[in-house]
Protein backbone atom coordinates (compact mmCIF):
# COMPACT_ATOMS: atom_id res chain seq x y z
CA UNK A 1 -9.29 1.57 23.92
CA UNK A 2 -5.87 0.03 24.29
CA UNK A 3 -4.57 0.22 20.52
CA UNK A 4 -2.43 -2.71 21.25
CA UNK A 5 -5.27 -5.02 22.69
CA UNK A 6 -5.75 -8.28 21.07
CA UNK A 7 -6.83 -10.24 24.00
CA UNK A 8 -8.92 -13.26 23.30
CA UNK A 9 -8.98 -12.39 19.53
CA UNK A 10 -9.06 -15.53 17.55
CA UNK A 11 -6.45 -15.80 14.81
CA UNK A 12 -5.99 -18.70 12.17
CA UNK A 13 -2.20 -19.17 11.15
CA UNK A 14 -1.88 -21.51 8.03
CA UNK A 15 1.35 -23.38 7.60
CA UNK A 16 1.74 -23.17 11.36
CA UNK A 17 4.24 -25.98 11.51
CA UNK A 18 6.98 -24.11 9.92
CA UNK A 19 9.51 -22.16 11.56
CA UNK A 20 8.06 -18.68 10.80
CA UNK A 21 4.54 -20.06 11.54
CA UNK A 22 5.56 -21.20 15.03
CA UNK A 23 7.41 -17.92 15.93
CA UNK A 24 4.03 -15.82 14.78
CA UNK A 25 1.82 -18.10 16.78
CA UNK A 26 4.07 -17.64 20.08
CA UNK A 27 4.10 -14.04 19.49
CA UNK A 28 0.33 -13.59 18.79
CA UNK A 29 -0.16 -15.96 21.74
CA UNK A 30 1.68 -13.76 24.21
CA UNK A 31 -0.39 -10.76 23.18
CA UNK A 32 -3.45 -12.52 24.17
CA UNK A 33 -4.72 -14.37 20.80
CA UNK A 34 -6.48 -17.36 20.83
CA UNK A 35 -4.64 -19.34 18.09
CA UNK A 36 -5.83 -21.85 15.68
CA UNK A 37 -2.78 -23.85 14.14
CA UNK A 38 -3.27 -25.32 10.83
CA UNK A 39 -1.18 -27.68 9.12
CA UNK A 40 -1.18 -30.83 7.16
CA UNK A 41 -2.43 -34.13 8.73
CA UNK A 42 1.12 -35.36 8.44
CA UNK A 43 2.19 -32.47 10.89
CA UNK A 44 -0.42 -32.91 13.42
CA UNK A 45 1.94 -34.46 15.92
CA UNK A 46 4.34 -31.65 15.49
CA UNK A 47 1.65 -29.14 15.69
CA UNK A 48 0.42 -30.69 19.10
CA UNK A 49 3.88 -30.71 20.54
CA UNK A 50 4.30 -26.99 19.86
CA UNK A 51 0.99 -26.31 21.03
CA UNK A 52 2.07 -27.13 24.57
CA UNK A 53 4.40 -24.32 24.38
CA UNK A 54 2.03 -21.52 23.94
CA UNK A 55 1.06 -19.40 26.77
CA UNK A 56 -2.60 -19.06 26.00
CA UNK A 57 -5.58 -21.00 24.74
CA UNK A 58 -4.86 -22.49 21.17
CA UNK A 59 -6.35 -25.40 18.98
CA UNK A 60 -4.88 -27.63 16.23
CA UNK A 61 -6.90 -28.07 13.05
CA UNK A 62 -5.50 -30.13 10.02
CA UNK A 63 -6.44 -30.23 6.60
CA UNK A 64 -5.15 -29.46 3.21
CA UNK A 65 -5.77 -25.72 2.57
CA UNK A 66 -5.43 -26.36 -1.15
CA UNK A 67 -8.80 -28.41 -1.18
CA UNK A 68 -11.73 -26.08 -1.02
CA UNK A 69 -13.54 -29.01 0.68
CA UNK A 70 -10.99 -29.18 3.51
CA UNK A 71 -10.83 -25.36 4.01
CA UNK A 72 -15.00 -25.57 4.49
CA UNK A 73 -14.10 -28.16 7.23
CA UNK A 74 -11.35 -26.06 8.82
CA UNK A 75 -13.54 -23.02 9.36
CA UNK A 76 -16.63 -24.93 10.31
CA UNK A 77 -14.60 -26.26 13.05
CA UNK A 78 -13.37 -22.88 13.93
CA UNK A 79 -16.93 -21.73 14.00
CA UNK A 80 -17.81 -24.62 16.45
CA UNK A 81 -15.02 -23.54 18.91
CA UNK A 82 -14.90 -19.60 18.63
CA UNK A 83 -18.09 -18.55 16.91
CA UNK A 84 -16.09 -16.16 14.63
CA UNK A 85 -12.73 -15.40 13.47
CA UNK A 86 -11.02 -12.03 14.11
CA UNK A 87 -7.85 -12.37 12.16
CA UNK A 88 -6.48 -14.50 9.41
CA UNK A 89 -2.58 -14.78 8.75
CA UNK A 90 -2.00 -16.77 5.35
CA UNK A 91 1.38 -18.03 5.95
CA UNK A 92 1.55 -21.25 4.08
CA UNK A 93 3.59 -21.33 1.10
CA UNK A 94 6.10 -23.36 -1.18
CA UNK A 95 9.43 -22.28 -2.45
CA UNK A 96 11.16 -24.34 -5.12
CA UNK A 97 14.45 -23.76 -6.58
CA UNK A 98 14.13 -24.41 -10.33
CA UNK A 99 16.08 -23.03 -13.49
CA UNK A 100 13.79 -21.35 -15.78
CA UNK A 101 14.35 -23.94 -18.56
CA UNK A 102 13.64 -26.78 -16.16
CA UNK A 103 10.45 -25.37 -14.57
CA UNK A 104 7.53 -27.58 -15.85
CA UNK A 105 3.79 -27.07 -15.52
CA UNK A 106 3.34 -29.45 -12.59
CA UNK A 107 5.58 -27.37 -10.14
CA UNK A 108 4.48 -24.09 -11.59
CA UNK A 109 0.68 -25.29 -10.71
CA UNK A 110 2.12 -26.37 -7.19
CA UNK A 111 3.60 -23.09 -6.02
CA UNK A 112 0.86 -20.94 -7.63
CA UNK A 113 -1.77 -23.17 -6.26
CA UNK A 114 -0.42 -22.86 -2.45
CA UNK A 115 1.01 -19.31 -2.52
CA UNK A 116 -1.68 -17.71 -4.54
CA UNK A 117 -4.94 -19.70 -4.89
CA UNK A 118 -4.99 -20.97 -1.38
CA UNK A 119 -5.08 -17.28 0.34
CA UNK A 120 -7.91 -16.26 -2.06
CA UNK A 121 -9.74 -19.47 -0.84
CA UNK A 122 -9.10 -18.85 2.90
CA UNK A 123 -10.04 -14.97 2.47
CA UNK A 124 -13.35 -16.15 0.94
CA UNK A 125 -14.19 -18.54 3.78
CA UNK A 126 -13.04 -15.68 6.40
CA UNK A 127 -15.38 -13.27 4.62
CA UNK A 128 -18.38 -15.72 4.72
CA UNK A 129 -17.81 -16.30 8.70
CA UNK A 130 -17.32 -12.80 9.29
CA UNK A 131 -20.66 -11.78 7.56
CA UNK A 132 -22.35 -14.50 9.41
CA UNK A 133 -20.81 -13.60 12.81
CA UNK A 134 -19.38 -10.24 12.88
CA UNK A 135 -16.23 -9.53 14.99
CA UNK A 136 -14.83 -6.18 15.86
CA UNK A 137 -11.87 -4.77 13.65
CA UNK A 138 -11.16 -7.89 11.49
CA UNK A 139 -7.98 -7.92 9.89
CA UNK A 140 -5.86 -10.30 7.36
CA UNK A 141 -2.35 -10.59 6.70
CA UNK A 142 -0.79 -12.22 3.65
CA UNK A 143 2.92 -13.37 4.06
CA UNK A 144 4.18 -12.35 0.80
CA UNK A 145 8.10 -11.72 0.07
CA UNK A 146 10.67 -9.31 -1.19
CA UNK A 147 10.67 -11.40 -4.02
CA UNK A 148 7.35 -10.34 -5.29
CA UNK A 149 9.21 -7.20 -6.45
CA UNK A 150 12.83 -8.28 -6.59
CA UNK A 151 13.13 -11.54 -8.10
CA UNK A 152 15.98 -13.98 -7.45
CA UNK A 153 17.41 -16.47 -9.91
CA UNK A 154 15.52 -19.86 -10.29
CA UNK A 155 12.60 -18.62 -8.25
CA UNK A 156 10.29 -17.31 -11.41
CA UNK A 157 7.30 -19.38 -10.26
CA UNK A 158 7.90 -18.46 -6.52
CA UNK A 159 8.41 -14.81 -7.37
CA UNK A 160 5.31 -14.70 -9.85
CA UNK A 161 3.03 -16.25 -7.04
CA UNK A 162 4.47 -13.65 -4.25
CA UNK A 163 4.26 -10.72 -6.98
CA UNK A 164 0.53 -11.77 -7.40
CA UNK A 165 -0.22 -12.16 -3.83
CA UNK A 166 0.90 -8.62 -3.18
CA UNK A 167 -1.48 -7.19 -5.81
CA UNK A 168 -4.19 -9.63 -4.68
CA UNK A 169 -3.61 -8.27 -1.24
CA UNK A 170 -4.48 -4.69 -2.77
CA UNK A 171 -7.59 -5.81 -4.51
CA UNK A 172 -8.72 -7.59 -1.74
CA UNK A 173 -8.40 -4.56 0.49
CA UNK A 174 -10.52 -2.57 -1.85
CA UNK A 175 -13.18 -5.26 -2.37
CA UNK A 176 -13.62 -6.05 1.45
CA UNK A 177 -13.04 -2.61 2.79
CA UNK A 178 -16.83 -1.84 2.62
CA UNK A 179 -17.55 -4.76 5.13
CA UNK A 180 -14.89 -3.25 7.46
CA UNK A 181 -12.28 -6.12 6.85
CA UNK A 182 -8.53 -4.83 6.62
CA UNK A 183 -6.25 -6.86 4.42
CA UNK A 184 -2.20 -6.24 4.22
CA UNK A 185 0.80 -8.18 3.57
CA UNK A 186 4.18 -8.54 4.98
CA UNK A 187 7.16 -9.22 2.58
CA UNK A 188 10.10 -10.63 4.55
CA UNK A 189 13.76 -10.65 3.11
CA UNK A 190 16.06 -13.49 3.91
CA UNK A 191 15.02 -15.28 7.24
CA UNK A 192 17.85 -16.16 9.61
CA UNK A 193 16.25 -19.68 10.15
CA UNK A 194 18.23 -22.62 11.54
CA UNK A 195 20.57 -24.01 9.13
CA UNK A 196 20.33 -21.32 6.60
CA UNK A 197 24.15 -20.90 6.72
CA UNK A 198 24.87 -24.34 5.81
CA UNK A 199 22.02 -24.59 3.20
CA UNK A 200 22.81 -21.49 1.32
CA UNK A 201 26.14 -20.15 2.42
CA UNK A 202 26.70 -18.12 -0.77
CA UNK A 203 23.07 -16.65 -0.43
CA UNK A 204 23.53 -15.64 2.93
CA UNK A 205 26.78 -13.94 2.22
CA UNK A 206 25.24 -11.98 -0.52
CA UNK A 207 22.54 -10.89 1.29
CA UNK A 208 24.37 -9.56 4.52
CA UNK A 209 27.12 -7.72 2.16
CA UNK A 210 24.09 -6.01 0.25
CA UNK A 211 21.88 -5.33 3.04
CA UNK A 212 22.17 -1.78 4.55
CA UNK A 213 21.70 -3.32 7.91
CA UNK A 214 24.31 -5.98 7.23
CA UNK A 215 22.31 -8.84 8.62
CA UNK A 216 19.61 -11.19 7.77
CA UNK A 217 15.95 -10.82 8.92
CA UNK A 218 15.20 -12.25 12.45
CA UNK A 219 11.66 -13.96 12.24
CA UNK A 220 10.70 -12.16 15.38
CA UNK A 221 10.55 -8.92 13.25
CA UNK A 222 8.33 -10.46 11.01
CA UNK A 223 6.17 -11.66 13.65
CA UNK A 224 6.27 -8.40 15.45
CA UNK A 225 5.04 -6.56 11.94
CA UNK A 226 2.24 -9.05 11.60
CA UNK A 227 0.85 -8.34 15.23
CA UNK A 228 1.16 -4.59 14.20
CA UNK A 229 -1.02 -5.26 11.27
CA UNK A 230 -3.40 -7.08 13.15
CA UNK A 231 -3.76 -4.88 15.98
CA UNK A 232 -5.96 -1.77 16.23
CA UNK A 233 -2.67 0.32 16.20
CA UNK A 234 -2.93 -0.05 12.36
CA UNK A 235 -6.63 0.40 12.16
CA UNK A 236 -6.09 3.03 9.35
CA UNK A 237 -3.87 0.72 7.31
CA UNK A 238 -5.19 -1.44 4.48
CA UNK A 239 -3.84 -2.52 1.14
CA UNK A 240 -0.28 -1.94 2.22
CA UNK A 241 2.81 -4.28 1.65
CA UNK A 242 5.01 -3.89 4.58
CA UNK A 243 8.57 -4.93 3.98
CA UNK A 244 10.81 -6.39 6.64
CA UNK A 245 14.23 -6.97 4.69
CA UNK A 246 16.86 -4.99 6.66
CA UNK A 247 16.67 -2.48 3.93
CA UNK A 248 17.10 -4.65 0.82
CA UNK A 249 14.23 -2.69 -0.77
CA UNK A 250 16.46 0.50 -1.27
CA UNK A 251 19.61 -1.36 -2.63
CA UNK A 252 20.81 -0.17 -5.94
CA UNK A 253 20.00 -2.75 -8.68
CA UNK A 254 22.76 -1.17 -11.11
């Protein structure tokens, strides 16, 4: 068996309209996956335009993944198209910047809803579809963050959600291992996305000066790590949080 082989494997990427979502979709498409691009209805035109750039088979499914009824519809459409789903990448997320004293319950709930509740709902739907239509070596990757273990100022709700997602990943791996589903997470550091230098010059400077590799994280490095965790190459790995952070996890905090 080719340990890299993911040809004709179907993968759902939530939040696929964002920069990281698009790079992951491109990477997995080149590796042979059939891509399901998910986003809100307002992102449909953008997703369809991006879909034309992919090298392999793909479909666009819109819906609000914070809505249980929309998740049911999304997975029903996937079942109609591909019968089953081999991989799931929980990528959709919110990251607000709010000082602790100004963080109200509405913003708290919105971030925890998308970043933590939604992955749970999607994983439940994935499990149900898999039990109904088994695939070979199913795998799930949750996109967490280094802030799940290393919080930043004004991100308490975001850090809490990602910390919870890392622990949830471990719990899901424990619970779903019995039916053969692997569950892991990837925690990126500060991504080198378009406009980041202009949007947060101070943060970029601090990150680069602290990083052992003296640079930001290339989103392609995250995409390649996701591919690794989905592929049979990582067949013995579950319940792991893989940091892709140019070494920030070993920086002294004192």
